[in-house]
PDB file of all heavy atoms in Angstrom:
ATOM      1  N   LEU A   1    -171.471  54.531 163.408  1.00  0.00           N
ATOM      2  CA  LEU A   1    -171.653  53.113 163.122  1.00  0.00           C
ATOM      3  C   LEU A   1    -170.444  52.585 162.350  1.00  0.00           C
ATOM      4  O   LEU A   1    -170.346  52.726 161.134  1.00  0.00           O
ATOM      5  CB  LEU A   1    -172.943  52.886 162.326  1.00  0.00           C
ATOM      6  CG  LEU A   1    -174.233  53.412 162.971  1.00  0.00           C
ATOM      7  CD1 LEU A   1    -175.448  52.947 162.177  1.00  0.00           C
ATOM      8  CD2 LEU A   1    -174.341  52.976 164.430  1.00  0.00           C
ATOM      9  N   ASP A   2    -169.537  51.967 163.079  1.00  0.00           N
ATOM     10  CA  ASP A   2    -168.285  51.471 162.503  1.00  0.00           C
ATOM     11  C   ASP A   2    -168.446  50.010 162.084  1.00  0.00           C
ATOM     12  O   ASP A   2    -167.995  49.102 162.779  1.00  0.00           O
ATOM     13  CB  ASP A   2    -167.151  51.619 163.526  1.00  0.00           C
ATOM     14  CG  ASP A   2    -165.810  51.143 162.988  1.00  0.00           C
ATOM     15  OD1 ASP A   2    -165.505  51.428 161.817  1.00  0.00           O
ATOM     16  OD2 ASP A   2    -165.086  50.460 163.743  1.00  0.00           O
ATOM     17  N   GLY A   3    -169.119  49.779 160.963  1.00  0.00           N
ATOM     18  CA  GLY A   3    -169.240  48.419 160.443  1.00  0.00           C
ATOM     19  C   GLY A   3    -170.566  47.751 160.704  1.00  0.00           C
ATOM     20  O   GLY A   3    -170.760  46.603 160.307  1.00  0.00           O
ATOM     21  N   VAL A   4    -171.510  48.409 161.368  1.00  0.00           N
ATOM     22  CA  VAL A   4    -172.835  47.814 161.567  1.00  0.00           C
ATOM     23  C   VAL A   4    -173.459  47.569 160.199  1.00  0.00           C
ATOM     24  O   VAL A   4    -173.489  48.459 159.353  1.00  0.00           O
ATOM     25  CB  VAL A   4    -173.730  48.749 162.410  1.00  0.00           C
ATOM     26  CG1 VAL A   4    -175.145  48.200 162.498  1.00  0.00           C
ATOM     27  CG2 VAL A   4    -173.130  48.934 163.797  1.00  0.00           C
ATOM     28  N   GLY A   5    -173.964  46.349 159.975  1.00  0.00           N
ATOM     29  CA  GLY A   5    -174.465  46.024 158.642  1.00  0.00           C
ATOM     30  C   GLY A   5    -175.822  45.374 158.597  1.00  0.00           C
ATOM     31  O   GLY A   5    -176.500  45.421 157.571  1.00  0.00           O
ATOM     32  N   ASN A   6    -176.272  44.746 159.679  1.00  0.00           N
ATOM     33  CA  ASN A   6    -177.543  44.052 159.676  1.00  0.00           C
ATOM     34  C   ASN A   6    -178.699  45.046 159.594  1.00  0.00           C
ATOM     35  O   ASN A   6    -178.795  45.954 160.425  1.00  0.00           O
ATOM     36  CB  ASN A   6    -177.661  43.214 160.960  1.00  0.00           C
ATOM     37  CG  ASN A   6    -178.932  42.404 161.007  1.00  0.00           C
ATOM     38  OD1 ASN A   6    -180.014  42.946 161.204  1.00  0.00           O
ATOM     39  ND2 ASN A   6    -178.811  41.099 160.820  1.00  0.00           N
ATOM     40  N   PRO A   7    -179.605  44.916 158.592  1.00  0.00           N
ATOM     41  CA  PRO A   7    -180.681  45.910 158.446  1.00  0.00           C
ATOM     42  C   PRO A   7    -181.634  45.960 159.628  1.00  0.00           C
ATOM     43  O   PRO A   7    -182.161  47.025 159.963  1.00  0.00           O
ATOM     44  CB  PRO A   7    -181.398  45.473 157.158  1.00  0.00           C
ATOM     45  CG  PRO A   7    -181.015  44.042 156.957  1.00  0.00           C
ATOM     46  CD  PRO A   7    -179.638  43.910 157.519  1.00  0.00           C
ATOM     47  N   HIS A   8    -181.860  44.820 160.296  1.00  0.00           N
ATOM     48  CA  HIS A   8    -182.740  44.830 161.463  1.00  0.00           C
ATOM     49  C   HIS A   8    -182.080  45.558 162.631  1.00  0.00           C
ATOM     50  O   HIS A   8    -182.751  46.282 163.384  1.00  0.00           O
ATOM     51  CB  HIS A   8    -183.137  43.409 161.846  1.00  0.00           C
ATOM     52  CG  HIS A   8    -184.021  42.757 160.836  1.00  0.00           C
ATOM     53  ND1 HIS A   8    -183.513  42.027 159.779  1.00  0.00           N
ATOM     54  CD2 HIS A   8    -185.371  42.759 160.681  1.00  0.00           C
ATOM     55  CE1 HIS A   8    -184.518  41.584 159.040  1.00  0.00           C
ATOM     56  NE2 HIS A   8    -185.643  42.026 159.557  1.00  0.00           N
ATOM     57  N   ASN A   9    -180.768  45.390 162.778  1.00  0.00           N
ATOM     58  CA  ASN A   9    -180.057  46.160 163.796  1.00  0.00           C
ATOM     59  C   ASN A   9    -180.100  47.647 163.466  1.00  0.00           C
ATOM     60  O   ASN A   9    -180.312  48.481 164.353  1.00  0.00           O
ATOM     61  CB  ASN A   9    -178.603  45.696 163.904  1.00  0.00           C
ATOM     62  CG  ASN A   9    -178.456  44.421 164.724  1.00  0.00           C
ATOM     63  OD1 ASN A   9    -179.318  44.086 165.530  1.00  0.00           O
ATOM     64  ND2 ASN A   9    -177.366  43.713 164.514  1.00  0.00           N
ATOM     65  N   LEU A  10    -179.893  47.990 162.194  1.00  0.00           N
ATOM     66  CA  LEU A  10    -179.952  49.395 161.803  1.00  0.00           C
ATOM     67  C   LEU A  10    -181.327  49.976 162.108  1.00  0.00           C
ATOM     68  O   LEU A  10    -181.440  51.085 162.647  1.00  0.00           O
ATOM     69  CB  LEU A  10    -179.634  49.552 160.316  1.00  0.00           C
ATOM     70  CG  LEU A  10    -179.788  50.983 159.766  1.00  0.00           C
ATOM     71  CD1 LEU A  10    -178.857  51.954 160.484  1.00  0.00           C
ATOM     72  CD2 LEU A  10    -179.529  51.006 158.255  1.00  0.00           C
ATOM     73  N   GLY A  11    -182.382  49.234 161.786  1.00  0.00           N
ATOM     74  CA  GLY A  11    -183.730  49.718 162.061  1.00  0.00           C
ATOM     75  C   GLY A  11    -183.966  49.958 163.541  1.00  0.00           C
ATOM     76  O   GLY A  11    -184.535  50.978 163.945  1.00  0.00           O
ATOM     77  N   ALA A  12    -183.525  49.009 164.371  1.00  0.00           N
ATOM     78  CA  ALA A  12    -183.689  49.168 165.817  1.00  0.00           C
ATOM     79  C   ALA A  12    -182.856  50.339 166.335  1.00  0.00           C
ATOM     80  O   ALA A  12    -183.294  51.077 167.229  1.00  0.00           O
ATOM     81  CB  ALA A  12    -183.293  47.870 166.526  1.00  0.00           C
ATOM     82  N   ILE A  13    -181.668  50.522 165.793  1.00  0.00           N
ATOM     83  CA  ILE A  13    -180.826  51.660 166.179  1.00  0.00           C
ATOM     84  C   ILE A  13    -181.509  52.971 165.803  1.00  0.00           C
ATOM     85  O   ILE A  13    -181.535  53.930 166.593  1.00  0.00           O
ATOM     86  CB  ILE A  13    -179.441  51.542 165.517  1.00  0.00           C
ATOM     87  CG1 ILE A  13    -178.622  50.432 166.196  1.00  0.00           C
ATOM     88  CG2 ILE A  13    -178.685  52.870 165.575  1.00  0.00           C
ATOM     89  CD1 ILE A  13    -177.354  50.070 165.464  1.00  0.00           C
ATOM     90  N   LEU A  14    -182.089  53.048 164.603  1.00  0.00           N
ATOM     91  CA  LEU A  14    -182.781  54.260 164.174  1.00  0.00           C
ATOM     92  C   LEU A  14    -183.981  54.553 165.065  1.00  0.00           C
ATOM     93  O   LEU A  14    -184.268  55.713 165.390  1.00  0.00           O
ATOM     94  CB  LEU A  14    -183.221  54.129 162.721  1.00  0.00           C
ATOM     95  CG  LEU A  14    -182.106  54.171 161.672  1.00  0.00           C
ATOM     96  CD1 LEU A  14    -182.645  53.788 160.302  1.00  0.00           C
ATOM     97  CD2 LEU A  14    -181.461  55.547 161.620  1.00  0.00           C
ATOM     98  N   ARG A  15    -184.685  53.500 165.482  1.00  0.00           N
ATOM     99  CA  ARG A  15    -185.842  53.714 166.361  1.00  0.00           C
ATOM    100  C   ARG A  15    -185.394  54.290 167.702  1.00  0.00           C
ATOM    101  O   ARG A  15    -186.002  55.235 168.219  1.00  0.00           O
ATOM    102  CB  ARG A  15    -186.585  52.399 166.557  1.00  0.00           C
ATOM    103  CG  ARG A  15    -187.885  52.545 167.335  1.00  0.00           C
ATOM    104  CD  ARG A  15    -188.688  51.271 167.317  1.00  0.00           C
ATOM    105  NE  ARG A  15    -189.964  51.433 167.993  1.00  0.00           N
ATOM    106  CZ  ARG A  15    -190.903  50.497 168.075  1.00  0.00           C
ATOM    107  NH1 ARG A  15    -190.697  49.327 167.474  1.00  0.00           N
ATOM    108  NH2 ARG A  15    -192.031  50.721 168.699  1.00  0.00           N
ATOM    109  N   SER A  16    -184.326  53.739 168.266  1.00  0.00           N
ATOM    110  CA  SER A  16    -183.800  54.275 169.531  1.00  0.00           C
ATOM    111  C   SER A  16    -183.264  55.690 169.351  1.00  0.00           C
ATOM    112  O   SER A  16    -183.477  56.562 170.205  1.00  0.00           O
ATOM    113  CB  SER A  16    -182.699  53.363 170.069  1.00  0.00           C
ATOM    114  OG  SER A  16    -183.213  52.100 170.434  1.00  0.00           O
ATOM    115  N   ALA A  17    -182.567  55.929 168.238  1.00  0.00           N
ATOM    116  CA  ALA A  17    -182.020  57.260 167.982  1.00  0.00           C
ATOM    117  C   ALA A  17    -183.137  58.288 167.869  1.00  0.00           C
ATOM    118  O   ALA A  17    -183.020  59.413 168.372  1.00  0.00           O
ATOM    119  CB  ALA A  17    -181.171  57.240 166.721  1.00  0.00           C
ATOM    120  N   ALA A  18    -184.232  57.921 167.215  1.00  0.00           N
ATOM    121  CA  ALA A  18    -185.367  58.840 167.104  1.00  0.00           C
ATOM    122  C   ALA A  18    -185.960  59.131 168.476  1.00  0.00           C
ATOM    123  O   ALA A  18    -186.316  60.272 168.789  1.00  0.00           O
ATOM    124  CB  ALA A  18    -186.423  58.238 166.175  1.00  0.00           C
ATOM    125  N   ASN A  19    -186.066  58.104 169.304  1.00  0.00           N
ATOM    126  CA  ASN A  19    -186.668  58.283 170.631  1.00  0.00           C
ATOM    127  C   ASN A  19    -185.838  59.208 171.518  1.00  0.00           C
ATOM    128  O   ASN A  19    -186.382  60.012 172.275  1.00  0.00           O
ATOM    129  CB  ASN A  19    -186.832  56.926 171.311  1.00  0.00           C
ATOM    130  CG  ASN A  19    -187.586  57.027 172.627  1.00  0.00           C
ATOM    131  OD1 ASN A  19    -188.779  57.256 172.648  1.00  0.00           O
ATOM    132  ND2 ASN A  19    -186.884  56.872 173.737  1.00  0.00           N
ATOM    133  N   PHE A  20    -184.510  59.104 171.416  1.00  0.00           N
ATOM    134  CA  PHE A  20    -183.640  59.877 172.304  1.00  0.00           C
ATOM    135  C   PHE A  20    -182.993  61.084 171.621  1.00  0.00           C
ATOM    136  O   PHE A  20    -182.179  61.776 172.234  1.00  0.00           O
ATOM    137  CB  PHE A  20    -182.568  58.966 172.903  1.00  0.00           C
ATOM    138  CG  PHE A  20    -183.120  57.913 173.824  1.00  0.00           C
ATOM    139  CD1 PHE A  20    -183.100  56.567 173.456  1.00  0.00           C
ATOM    140  CD2 PHE A  20    -183.680  58.258 175.031  1.00  0.00           C
ATOM    141  CE1 PHE A  20    -183.618  55.585 174.299  1.00  0.00           C
ATOM    142  CE2 PHE A  20    -184.200  57.293 175.881  1.00  0.00           C
ATOM    143  CZ  PHE A  20    -184.173  55.955 175.517  1.00  0.00           C
ATOM    144  N   GLY A  21    -183.332  61.333 170.354  1.00  0.00           N
ATOM    145  CA  GLY A  21    -182.854  62.536 169.679  1.00  0.00           C
ATOM    146  C   GLY A  21    -181.415  62.507 169.234  1.00  0.00           C
ATOM    147  O   GLY A  21    -180.723  63.534 169.285  1.00  0.00           O
ATOM    148  N   ALA A  22    -180.933  61.353 168.767  1.00  0.00           N
ATOM    149  CA  ALA A  22    -179.550  61.230 168.324  1.00  0.00           C
ATOM    150  C   ALA A  22    -179.469  61.180 166.801  1.00  0.00           C
ATOM    151  O   ALA A  22    -180.425  60.798 166.122  1.00  0.00           O
ATOM    152  CB  ALA A  22    -178.907  59.972 168.910  1.00  0.00           C
ATOM    153  N   ALA A  23    -178.320  61.552 166.276  1.00  0.00           N
ATOM    154  CA  ALA A  23    -178.038  61.424 164.846  1.00  0.00           C
ATOM    155  C   ALA A  23    -177.229  60.152 164.611  1.00  0.00           C
ATOM    156  O   ALA A  23    -176.654  59.581 165.542  1.00  0.00           O
ATOM    157  CB  ALA A  23    -177.263  62.639 164.343  1.00  0.00           C
ATOM    158  N   VAL A  24    -177.178  59.708 163.369  1.00  0.00           N
ATOM    159  CA  VAL A  24    -176.388  58.531 162.990  1.00  0.00           C
ATOM    160  C   VAL A  24    -175.302  58.968 162.016  1.00  0.00           C
ATOM    161  O   VAL A  24    -175.595  59.605 160.990  1.00  0.00           O
ATOM    162  CB  VAL A  24    -177.274  57.442 162.361  1.00  0.00           C
ATOM    163  CG1 VAL A  24    -176.422  56.374 161.679  1.00  0.00           C
ATOM    164  CG2 VAL A  24    -178.163  56.808 163.430  1.00  0.00           C
ATOM    165  N   LEU A  25    -174.049  58.656 162.353  1.00  0.00           N
ATOM    166  CA  LEU A  25    -172.897  59.029 161.544  1.00  0.00           C
ATOM    167  C   LEU A  25    -172.402  57.808 160.766  1.00  0.00           C
ATOM    168  O   LEU A  25    -172.142  56.754 161.352  1.00  0.00           O
ATOM    169  CB  LEU A  25    -171.772  59.561 162.437  1.00  0.00           C
ATOM    170  CG  LEU A  25    -172.147  60.616 163.485  1.00  0.00           C
ATOM    171  CD1 LEU A  25    -170.896  61.080 164.241  1.00  0.00           C
ATOM    172  CD2 LEU A  25    -172.856  61.800 162.849  1.00  0.00           C
TER     173      LEU A  25
END
């Protein structure tokens, strides 16, 4: 995540990452 800052975007990204088994750097 190179500069992502919106908390709602972060939450949606985390939900997708959990569904597909990805980590967040």
